[in-house]
Amino acid sequence: MCNYNKHKLFRVRNIRMESILKKEGSLMEKAFNNEILKSFHAINKLLFHVTKQDADKNGLTVGQLFTLFKISANPNIGLVELADKIKLTNSTVSGIVSRLVQNGLVEREALPHDRRSVTIRLTQKGEQKLVEVFSSESLLVEKLEQIKQLPEEEIQNLLRLHEKIKNILSE
């Protein structure tokens, strides 16, 4: 095909795509210009910001902090299971764990029956780090305590709605 015909075909495809996007664009705009979606996005962004302040103050990334917390709640957890709980890829979690091992906050232990598999647990230094992070000076703990001051009925309604939304999104 000569360059002229390639260019003409490209223009025709572009015109078709623009037409489709104009029709579909209004549907996409409605989907992403939704008050519920905006609210979830804003809350997620604020939670990340508060958590990041606590992590930064303690020389950690948000991923490292969340990983420490999950390991604390699940001692001797495997890497695949940890990645599943954190909702990150195995390779991402492996990198986070490697940095935590380098910093002496967690340790890996090979399983005697399968040397390729390892379990991960906090070291004493890692346990101490979590205590420091979630001390009375933790901004996240402070904000969560303020949220817990909302009327119990409102909290239960919020949790019920979140469960319904999770069910709808997971169908």
C-alpha atoms as a PDB file:
ATOM      1  CA  MET A   1       0.000   0.000   0.000  1.00  0.00           C
ATOM      2  CA  CYS A   2       1.419   3.389  -0.949  1.00  0.00           C
ATOM      3  CA  ASN A   3       1.895   6.184   1.592  1.00  0.00           C
ATOM      4  CA  TYR A   4      -1.064   8.158   0.219  1.00  0.00           C
ATOM      5  CA  ASN A   5      -3.458   5.234   0.752  1.00  0.00           C
ATOM      6  CA  LYS A   6      -2.038   4.529   4.222  1.00  0.00           C
ATOM      7  CA  HIS A   7      -2.556   8.175   5.160  1.00  0.00           C
ATOM      8  CA  LYS A   8      -6.112   8.159   3.752  1.00  0.00           C
ATOM      9  CA  LEU A   9      -6.946   4.931   5.632  1.00  0.00           C
ATOM     10  CA  PHE A  10      -5.509   6.393   8.830  1.00  0.00           C
ATOM     11  CA  ARG A  11      -7.676   9.533   8.443  1.00  0.00           C
ATOM     12  CA  VAL A  12     -10.807   7.434   7.831  1.00  0.00           C
ATOM     13  CA  ARG A  13     -10.086   5.342  10.938  1.00  0.00           C
ATOM     14  CA  ASN A  14      -9.503   8.531  12.968  1.00  0.00           C
ATOM     15  CA  ILE A  15     -12.797  10.031  11.803  1.00  0.00           C
ATOM     16  CA  ARG A  16     -14.626   6.806  12.749  1.00  0.00           C
ATOM     17  CA  MET A  17     -12.912   6.727  16.148  1.00  0.00           C
ATOM     18  CA  GLU A  18     -13.793  10.379  16.805  1.00  0.00           C
ATOM     19  CA  SER A  19     -17.416   9.638  15.945  1.00  0.00           C
ATOM     20  CA  ILE A  20     -17.483   6.651  18.302  1.00  0.00           C
ATOM     21  CA  LEU A  21     -15.821   8.657  21.072  1.00  0.00           C
ATOM     22  CA  LYS A  22     -18.352  11.480  20.703  1.00  0.00           C
ATOM     23  CA  LYS A  23     -21.225   9.007  21.147  1.00  0.00           C
ATOM     24  CA  GLU A  24     -19.509   7.013  23.868  1.00  0.00           C
ATOM     25  CA  GLY A  25     -17.844  10.079  25.397  1.00  0.00           C
ATOM     26  CA  SER A  26     -21.054  11.303  26.939  1.00  0.00           C
ATOM     27  CA  LEU A  27     -21.599   7.873  28.522  1.00  0.00           C
ATOM     28  CA  MET A  28     -18.002   7.810  29.786  1.00  0.00           C
ATOM     29  CA  GLU A  29     -18.347  11.356  31.075  1.00  0.00           C
ATOM     30  CA  LYS A  30     -21.483  10.393  32.985  1.00  0.00           C
ATOM     31  CA  ALA A  31     -19.743   7.347  34.463  1.00  0.00           C
ATOM     32  CA  PHE A  32     -16.669   9.251  35.600  1.00  0.00           C
ATOM     33  CA  ASN A  33     -18.497  12.441  36.520  1.00  0.00           C
ATOM     34  CA  ASN A  34     -20.422  10.643  39.242  1.00  0.00           C
ATOM     35  CA  GLU A  35     -20.754  12.038  42.769  1.00  0.00           C
ATOM     36  CA  ILE A  36     -20.320   8.604  44.354  1.00  0.00           C
ATOM     37  CA  LEU A  37     -17.123   7.941  42.401  1.00  0.00           C
ATOM     38  CA  LYS A  38     -15.834  11.422  43.230  1.00  0.00           C
ATOM     39  CA  SER A  39     -16.528  10.860  46.915  1.00  0.00           C
ATOM     40  CA  PHE A  40     -14.701   7.509  47.004  1.00  0.00           C
ATOM     41  CA  HIS A  41     -11.785   9.026  45.111  1.00  0.00           C
ATOM     42  CA  ALA A  42     -11.554  11.975  47.513  1.00  0.00           C
ATOM     43  CA  ILE A  43     -11.675   9.741  50.608  1.00  0.00           C
ATOM     44  CA  ASN A  44      -9.087   7.362  49.140  1.00  0.00           C
ATOM     45  CA  LYS A  45      -6.793  10.285  48.330  1.00  0.00           C
ATOM     46  CA  LEU A  46      -7.149  11.745  51.833  1.00  0.00           C
ATOM     47  CA  LEU A  47      -6.530   8.383  53.518  1.00  0.00           C
ATOM     48  CA  PHE A  48      -3.395   7.943  51.425  1.00  0.00           C
ATOM     49  CA  HIS A  49      -2.210  11.451  52.357  1.00  0.00           C
ATOM     50  CA  VAL A  50      -2.717  10.849  56.102  1.00  0.00           C
ATOM     51  CA  THR A  51      -1.036   7.424  55.908  1.00  0.00           C
ATOM     52  CA  LYS A  52       1.849   8.884  53.896  1.00  0.00           C
ATOM     53  CA  GLN A  53       2.477  11.485  56.600  1.00  0.00           C
ATOM     54  CA  ASP A  54       2.788   8.728  59.224  1.00  0.00           C
ATOM     55  CA  ALA A  55       4.990   6.629  56.928  1.00  0.00           C
ATOM     56  CA  ASP A  56       7.259   9.576  56.021  1.00  0.00           C
ATOM     57  CA  LYS A  57       7.646  10.549  59.656  1.00  0.00           C
ATOM     58  CA  ASN A  58       8.902   7.019  60.361  1.00  0.00           C
ATOM     59  CA  GLY A  59      11.197   6.620  57.347  1.00  0.00           C
ATOM     60  CA  LEU A  60       8.879   4.265  55.476  1.00  0.00           C
ATOM     61  CA  THR A  61       6.864   4.273  52.284  1.00  0.00           C
ATOM     62  CA  VAL A  62       3.102   3.704  52.432  1.00  0.00           C
ATOM     63  CA  GLY A  63       3.654   0.282  50.830  1.00  0.00           C
ATOM     64  CA  GLN A  64       6.241  -0.643  53.453  1.00  0.00           C
ATOM     65  CA  LEU A  65       3.990   0.514  56.279  1.00  0.00           C
ATOM     66  CA  PHE A  66       1.012  -1.432  54.949  1.00  0.00           C
ATOM     67  CA  THR A  67       3.204  -4.502  54.425  1.00  0.00           C
ATOM     68  CA  LEU A  68       4.533  -4.316  58.004  1.00  0.00           C
ATOM     69  CA  PHE A  69       0.984  -4.086  59.294  1.00  0.00           C
ATOM     70  CA  LYS A  70      -0.170  -7.104  57.240  1.00  0.00           C
ATOM     71  CA  ILE A  71       2.841  -9.182  58.305  1.00  0.00           C
ATOM     72  CA  SER A  72       2.154  -8.230  61.932  1.00  0.00           C
ATOM     73  CA  ALA A  73      -1.435  -9.445  61.596  1.00  0.00           C
ATOM     74  CA  ASN A  74      -0.308 -12.614  59.749  1.00  0.00           C
ATOM     75  CA  PRO A  75       3.003 -13.864  61.202  1.00  0.00           C
ATOM     76  CA  ASN A  76       4.920 -16.393  59.090  1.00  0.00           C
ATOM     77  CA  ILE A  77       2.921 -15.498  55.990  1.00  0.00           C
ATOM     78  CA  GLY A  78       4.078 -16.596  52.553  1.00  0.00           C
ATOM     79  CA  LEU A  79       4.915 -14.062  49.837  1.00  0.00           C
ATOM     80  CA  VAL A  80       2.040 -15.062  47.527  1.00  0.00           C
ATOM     81  CA  GLU A  81      -0.493 -14.891  50.367  1.00  0.00           C
ATOM     82  CA  LEU A  82       0.906 -11.526  51.472  1.00  0.00           C
ATOM     83  CA  ALA A  83       0.653 -10.154  47.941  1.00  0.00           C
ATOM     84  CA  ASP A  84      -2.951 -11.362  47.784  1.00  0.00           C
ATOM     85  CA  LYS A  85      -3.831  -9.672  51.084  1.00  0.00           C
ATOM     86  CA  ILE A  86      -2.172  -6.406  50.042  1.00  0.00           C
ATOM     87  CA  LYS A  87      -3.664  -6.588  46.524  1.00  0.00           C
ATOM     88  CA  LEU A  88      -0.302  -6.038  44.810  1.00  0.00           C
ATOM     89  CA  THR A  89       1.685  -8.222  42.428  1.00  0.00           C
ATOM     90  CA  ASN A  90       4.112 -10.804  43.781  1.00  0.00           C
ATOM     91  CA  SER A  91       7.074  -8.948  42.274  1.00  0.00           C
ATOM     92  CA  THR A  92       6.037  -5.633  43.842  1.00  0.00           C
ATOM     93  CA  VAL A  93       5.616  -7.218  47.265  1.00  0.00           C
ATOM     94  CA  SER A  94       8.891  -9.080  46.843  1.00  0.00           C
ATOM     95  CA  GLY A  95      10.656  -5.745  46.290  1.00  0.00           C
ATOM     96  CA  ILE A  96       8.984  -4.169  49.321  1.00  0.00           C
ATOM     97  CA  VAL A  97       9.902  -7.175  51.481  1.00  0.00           C
ATOM     98  CA  SER A  98      13.505  -7.076  50.239  1.00  0.00           C
ATOM     99  CA  ARG A  99      13.845  -3.446  51.352  1.00  0.00           C
ATOM    100  CA  LEU A 100      12.256  -4.276  54.715  1.00  0.00           C
ATOM    101  CA  VAL A 101      14.732  -7.159  55.136  1.00  0.00           C
ATOM    102  CA  GLN A 102      17.633  -4.803  54.285  1.00  0.00           C
ATOM    103  CA  ASN A 103      16.374  -2.409  56.966  1.00  0.00           C
ATOM    104  CA  GLY A 104      16.148  -5.228  59.514  1.00  0.00           C
ATOM    105  CA  LEU A 105      12.382  -4.876  59.945  1.00  0.00           C
ATOM    106  CA  VAL A 106      11.364  -8.301  58.624  1.00  0.00           C
ATOM    107  CA  GLU A 107      13.065 -11.621  58.050  1.00  0.00           C
ATOM    108  CA  ARG A 108      12.520 -14.400  55.560  1.00  0.00           C
ATOM    109  CA  GLU A 109      12.782 -18.029  56.535  1.00  0.00           C
ATOM    110  CA  ALA A 110      12.970 -20.865  54.020  1.00  0.00           C
ATOM    111  CA  LEU A 111      10.604 -23.727  54.692  1.00  0.00           C
ATOM    112  CA  PRO A 112      12.481 -26.959  55.507  1.00  0.00           C
ATOM    113  CA  HIS A 113      10.293 -29.085  53.194  1.00  0.00           C
ATOM    114  CA  ASP A 114      10.440 -26.601  50.271  1.00  0.00           C
ATOM    115  CA  ARG A 115      13.559 -24.410  50.121  1.00  0.00           C
ATOM    116  CA  ARG A 116      12.001 -22.276  47.358  1.00  0.00           C
ATOM    117  CA  SER A 117       9.137 -21.148  49.603  1.00  0.00           C
ATOM    118  CA  VAL A 118       9.695 -18.686  52.407  1.00  0.00           C
ATOM    119  CA  THR A 119       7.694 -17.291  55.270  1.00  0.00           C
ATOM    120  CA  ILE A 120       7.986 -13.695  56.346  1.00  0.00           C
ATOM    121  CA  ARG A 121       7.731 -12.304  59.852  1.00  0.00           C
ATOM    122  CA  LEU A 122       8.555  -9.120  61.716  1.00  0.00           C
ATOM    123  CA  THR A 123      11.812  -8.800  63.579  1.00  0.00           C
ATOM    124  CA  GLN A 124      11.885  -7.185  66.995  1.00  0.00           C
ATOM    125  CA  LYS A 125      12.969  -3.980  65.249  1.00  0.00           C
ATOM    126  CA  GLY A 126       9.945  -4.285  62.920  1.00  0.00           C
ATOM    127  CA  GLU A 127       7.569  -4.756  65.839  1.00  0.00           C
ATOM    128  CA  GLN A 128       9.076  -1.699  67.539  1.00  0.00           C
ATOM    129  CA  LYS A 129       8.703   0.320  64.325  1.00  0.00           C
ATOM    130  CA  LEU A 130       4.969  -0.459  64.199  1.00  0.00           C
ATOM    131  CA  VAL A 131       4.586   0.585  67.832  1.00  0.00           C
ATOM    132  CA  GLU A 132       6.312   3.880  66.985  1.00  0.00           C
ATOM    133  CA  VAL A 133       4.166   4.443  63.889  1.00  0.00           C
ATOM    134  CA  PHE A 134       0.871   3.822  65.642  1.00  0.00           C
ATOM    135  CA  SER A 135       1.749   5.703  68.797  1.00  0.00           C
ATOM    136  CA  SER A 136      -0.439   8.496  70.110  1.00  0.00           C
ATOM    137  CA  GLU A 137       1.284  10.833  67.632  1.00  0.00           C
ATOM    138  CA  SER A 138      -0.006   8.904  64.613  1.00  0.00           C
ATOM    139  CA  LEU A 139      -2.127  11.149  62.410  1.00  0.00           C
ATOM    140  CA  LEU A 140      -3.952   8.099  61.011  1.00  0.00           C
ATOM    141  CA  VAL A 141      -4.856   6.852  64.493  1.00  0.00           C
ATOM    142  CA  GLU A 142      -5.979  10.356  65.458  1.00  0.00           C
ATOM    143  CA  LYS A 143      -8.229  10.677  62.379  1.00  0.00           C
ATOM    144  CA  LEU A 144      -9.671   7.185  62.823  1.00  0.00           C
ATOM    145  CA  GLU A 145     -10.500   8.003  66.448  1.00  0.00           C
ATOM    146  CA  GLN A 146     -12.343  11.125  65.247  1.00  0.00           C
ATOM    147  CA  ILE A 147     -14.292   9.030  62.725  1.00  0.00           C
ATOM    148  CA  LYS A 148     -15.211   6.549  65.472  1.00  0.00           C
ATOM    149  CA  GLN A 149     -16.863   9.457  67.308  1.00  0.00           C
ATOM    150  CA  LEU A 150     -19.599   9.561  64.653  1.00  0.00           C
ATOM    151  CA  PRO A 151     -22.916   8.156  65.856  1.00  0.00           C
ATOM    152  CA  GLU A 152     -22.866   4.343  65.853  1.00  0.00           C
ATOM    153  CA  GLU A 153     -25.983   4.205  63.658  1.00  0.00           C
ATOM    154  CA  GLU A 154     -24.271   6.308  60.959  1.00  0.00           C
ATOM    155  CA  ILE A 155     -21.169   4.120  61.064  1.00  0.00           C
ATOM    156  CA  GLN A 156     -23.282   0.958  60.719  1.00  0.00           C
ATOM    157  CA  ASN A 157     -25.239   2.495  57.809  1.00  0.00           C
ATOM    158  CA  LEU A 158     -21.980   3.441  56.108  1.00  0.00           C
ATOM    159  CA  LEU A 159     -20.587  -0.079  56.529  1.00  0.00           C
ATOM    160  CA  ARG A 160     -23.830  -1.621  55.204  1.00  0.00           C
ATOM    161  CA  LEU A 161     -23.716   0.645  52.142  1.00  0.00           C
ATOM    162  CA  HIS A 162     -20.067  -0.162  51.542  1.00  0.00           C
ATOM    163  CA  GLU A 163     -20.860  -3.882  51.684  1.00  0.00           C
ATOM    164  CA  LYS A 164     -23.664  -3.450  49.132  1.00  0.00           C
ATOM    165  CA  ILE A 165     -21.359  -1.446  46.843  1.00  0.00           C
ATOM    166  CA  LYS A 166     -18.592  -4.064  47.167  1.00  0.00           C
ATOM    167  CA  ASN A 167     -21.096  -6.777  46.229  1.00  0.00           C
ATOM    168  CA  ILE A 168     -22.306  -4.848  43.189  1.00  0.00           C
ATOM    169  CA  LEU A 169     -18.757  -4.138  42.013  1.00  0.00           C
ATOM    170  CA  SER A 170     -17.635  -7.753  42.486  1.00  0.00           C
ATOM    171  CA  GLU A 171     -20.529  -9.306  40.492  1.00  0.00           C
END
